């Protein structure tokens, strides 16, 4: 998926996704650098990243 598609999924601005991958501390899901201007995200990577951030209120 593209930066814009990921931003829409997470309900954040695309600039937030860009900042997550470029400014320390690095955040966000793993990405694939196709070229200097093209970055993609694998759906499976995004799902794993989201799953790792899951909070179960009863266990907290």
N, C-alpha and C. Protein backbone atom coordinates (compact mmCIF):
# COMPACT_ATOMS: atom_id res chain seq x y z
N UNK A 1 0.85 -1.18 0.00
CA UNK A 1 0.00 0.00 0.00
C UNK A 1 0.88 1.23 0.00
N UNK A 2 0.34 2.34 -0.44
CA UNK A 2 1.08 3.59 -0.50
C UNK A 2 1.05 4.31 0.85
N UNK A 3 1.85 5.34 0.95
CA UNK A 3 1.84 6.18 2.15
C UNK A 3 0.45 6.75 2.38
N UNK A 4 -0.19 7.20 1.32
CA UNK A 4 -1.51 7.79 1.43
C UNK A 4 -2.55 6.76 1.87
N UNK A 5 -2.45 5.55 1.35
CA UNK A 5 -3.38 4.49 1.75
C UNK A 5 -3.20 4.11 3.21
N UNK A 6 -1.95 4.02 3.65
CA UNK A 6 -1.68 3.71 5.06
C UNK A 6 -2.20 4.83 5.95
N UNK A 7 -1.97 6.06 5.54
CA UNK A 7 -2.46 7.21 6.33
C UNK A 7 -3.98 7.16 6.45
N UNK A 8 -4.66 6.82 5.38
CA UNK A 8 -6.12 6.73 5.43
C UNK A 8 -6.56 5.61 6.37
N UNK A 9 -5.88 4.47 6.29
CA UNK A 9 -6.21 3.34 7.17
C UNK A 9 -6.05 3.72 8.63
N UNK A 10 -4.99 4.47 8.95
CA UNK A 10 -4.70 4.83 10.34
C UNK A 10 -5.36 6.14 10.76
N UNK A 11 -6.02 6.81 9.83
CA UNK A 11 -6.69 8.08 10.10
C UNK A 11 -5.70 9.14 10.59
N UNK A 12 -4.57 9.22 9.89
CA UNK A 12 -3.57 10.25 10.15
C UNK A 12 -3.21 10.92 8.83
N UNK A 13 -2.53 12.04 8.90
CA UNK A 13 -2.09 12.74 7.70
C UNK A 13 -0.90 11.99 7.08
N UNK A 14 -0.81 11.97 5.76
CA UNK A 14 0.35 11.31 5.13
C UNK A 14 1.69 11.86 5.61
N UNK A 15 1.74 13.13 6.00
CA UNK A 15 3.00 13.68 6.51
C UNK A 15 3.42 13.00 7.80
N UNK A 16 2.47 12.51 8.57
CA UNK A 16 2.79 11.76 9.80
C UNK A 16 3.49 10.46 9.45
N UNK A 17 2.99 9.77 8.44
CA UNK A 17 3.62 8.51 8.01
C UNK A 17 5.03 8.79 7.51
N UNK A 18 5.21 9.85 6.74
CA UNK A 18 6.55 10.20 6.23
C UNK A 18 7.50 10.52 7.39
N UNK A 19 7.02 11.25 8.37
CA UNK A 19 7.85 11.59 9.53
C UNK A 19 8.23 10.34 10.31
N UNK A 20 7.30 9.41 10.48
CA UNK A 20 7.59 8.18 11.20
C UNK A 20 8.75 7.42 10.59
N UNK A 21 8.87 7.45 9.27
CA UNK A 21 9.93 6.65 8.63
C UNK A 21 11.22 7.43 8.40
N UNK A 22 11.21 8.75 8.62
CA UNK A 22 12.42 9.53 8.31
C UNK A 22 13.05 10.22 9.52
N UNK A 23 12.30 10.52 10.56
CA UNK A 23 12.83 11.28 11.69
C UNK A 23 13.01 10.38 12.91
N UNK A 24 14.20 10.40 13.50
CA UNK A 24 14.40 9.61 14.72
C UNK A 24 13.52 10.15 15.84
N UNK A 25 13.00 9.32 16.72
CA UNK A 25 13.11 7.86 16.66
C UNK A 25 12.19 7.31 15.57
N UNK A 26 12.70 6.38 14.79
CA UNK A 26 11.93 5.82 13.69
C UNK A 26 10.75 5.03 14.23
N UNK A 27 9.60 5.22 13.62
CA UNK A 27 8.37 4.58 14.06
C UNK A 27 7.66 4.02 12.84
N UNK A 28 6.51 3.46 13.06
CA UNK A 28 5.71 2.98 11.94
C UNK A 28 6.12 1.60 11.48
N UNK A 29 5.33 1.07 10.58
CA UNK A 29 5.61 -0.29 10.08
C UNK A 29 6.80 -0.30 9.14
N UNK A 30 7.38 -1.49 8.92
CA UNK A 30 8.45 -1.61 7.93
C UNK A 30 7.95 -1.15 6.56
N UNK A 31 8.86 -0.61 5.77
CA UNK A 31 8.47 -0.12 4.45
C UNK A 31 9.45 -0.64 3.39
N UNK A 32 9.02 -0.53 2.15
CA UNK A 32 9.81 -0.96 1.01
C UNK A 32 10.14 0.27 0.19
N UNK A 33 11.42 0.58 0.06
CA UNK A 33 11.86 1.75 -0.70
C UNK A 33 12.04 1.31 -2.16
N UNK A 34 11.07 1.65 -3.00
CA UNK A 34 11.11 1.28 -4.42
C UNK A 34 12.10 2.18 -5.16
N UNK A 35 12.04 3.46 -4.86
CA UNK A 35 12.96 4.45 -5.43
C UNK A 35 13.05 5.62 -4.45
N UNK A 36 13.77 6.67 -4.82
CA UNK A 36 13.88 7.82 -3.93
C UNK A 36 12.52 8.42 -3.58
N UNK A 37 11.58 8.32 -4.50
CA UNK A 37 10.28 8.96 -4.31
C UNK A 37 9.12 8.00 -4.09
N UNK A 38 9.37 6.70 -4.19
CA UNK A 38 8.29 5.72 -4.09
C UNK A 38 8.56 4.78 -2.92
N UNK A 39 7.62 4.78 -1.97
CA UNK A 39 7.69 3.92 -0.79
C UNK A 39 6.39 3.14 -0.71
N UNK A 40 6.48 1.86 -0.43
CA UNK A 40 5.29 1.02 -0.29
C UNK A 40 5.35 0.27 1.04
N UNK A 41 4.19 -0.17 1.48
CA UNK A 41 4.06 -0.93 2.72
C UNK A 41 3.35 -2.24 2.40
N UNK A 42 3.92 -3.35 2.86
CA UNK A 42 3.28 -4.65 2.68
C UNK A 42 2.15 -4.78 3.69
N UNK A 43 1.02 -5.25 3.23
CA UNK A 43 -0.15 -5.41 4.10
C UNK A 43 0.18 -6.27 5.32
N UNK A 44 0.91 -7.35 5.11
CA UNK A 44 1.26 -8.25 6.22
C UNK A 44 2.12 -7.51 7.26
N UNK A 45 3.05 -6.66 6.80
CA UNK A 45 3.88 -5.89 7.74
C UNK A 45 3.04 -4.92 8.54
N UNK A 46 2.10 -4.26 7.88
CA UNK A 46 1.22 -3.31 8.56
C UNK A 46 0.37 -4.04 9.60
N UNK A 47 -0.17 -5.20 9.23
CA UNK A 47 -1.00 -5.97 10.17
C UNK A 47 -0.19 -6.41 11.38
N UNK A 48 1.07 -6.87 11.18
CA UNK A 48 1.92 -7.28 12.30
C UNK A 48 2.25 -6.08 13.19
N UNK A 49 2.54 -4.95 12.57
CA UNK A 49 2.86 -3.73 13.32
C UNK A 49 1.67 -3.30 14.18
N UNK A 50 0.48 -3.33 13.60
CA UNK A 50 -0.72 -2.97 14.36
C UNK A 50 -0.97 -3.97 15.49
N UNK A 51 -0.82 -5.23 15.19
CA UNK A 51 -1.05 -6.27 16.20
C UNK A 51 -0.10 -6.12 17.38
N UNK A 52 1.13 -5.73 17.12
CA UNK A 52 2.11 -5.56 18.19
C UNK A 52 1.77 -4.39 19.10
N UNK A 53 0.95 -3.47 18.61
CA UNK A 53 0.55 -2.30 19.41
C UNK A 53 -0.82 -2.46 20.07
N UNK A 54 -1.37 -3.63 19.94
CA UNK A 54 -2.70 -3.91 20.50
C UNK A 54 -2.61 -3.87 22.03
N UNK A 55 -3.55 -3.19 22.63
CA UNK A 55 -3.63 -3.10 24.08
C UNK A 55 -4.93 -3.76 24.52
N UNK A 56 -4.83 -4.70 25.42
CA UNK A 56 -6.00 -5.36 25.96
C UNK A 56 -6.30 -4.73 27.32
N UNK A 57 -7.37 -3.93 27.43
CA UNK A 57 -7.64 -3.21 28.67
C UNK A 57 -7.76 -4.09 29.91
N UNK A 58 -8.26 -5.30 29.76
CA UNK A 58 -8.43 -6.17 30.93
C UNK A 58 -7.09 -6.66 31.46
N UNK A 59 -6.09 -6.73 30.58
CA UNK A 59 -4.77 -7.20 31.01
C UNK A 59 -3.88 -6.06 31.51
N UNK A 60 -4.27 -4.84 31.27
CA UNK A 60 -3.44 -3.69 31.66
C UNK A 60 -3.49 -3.42 33.15
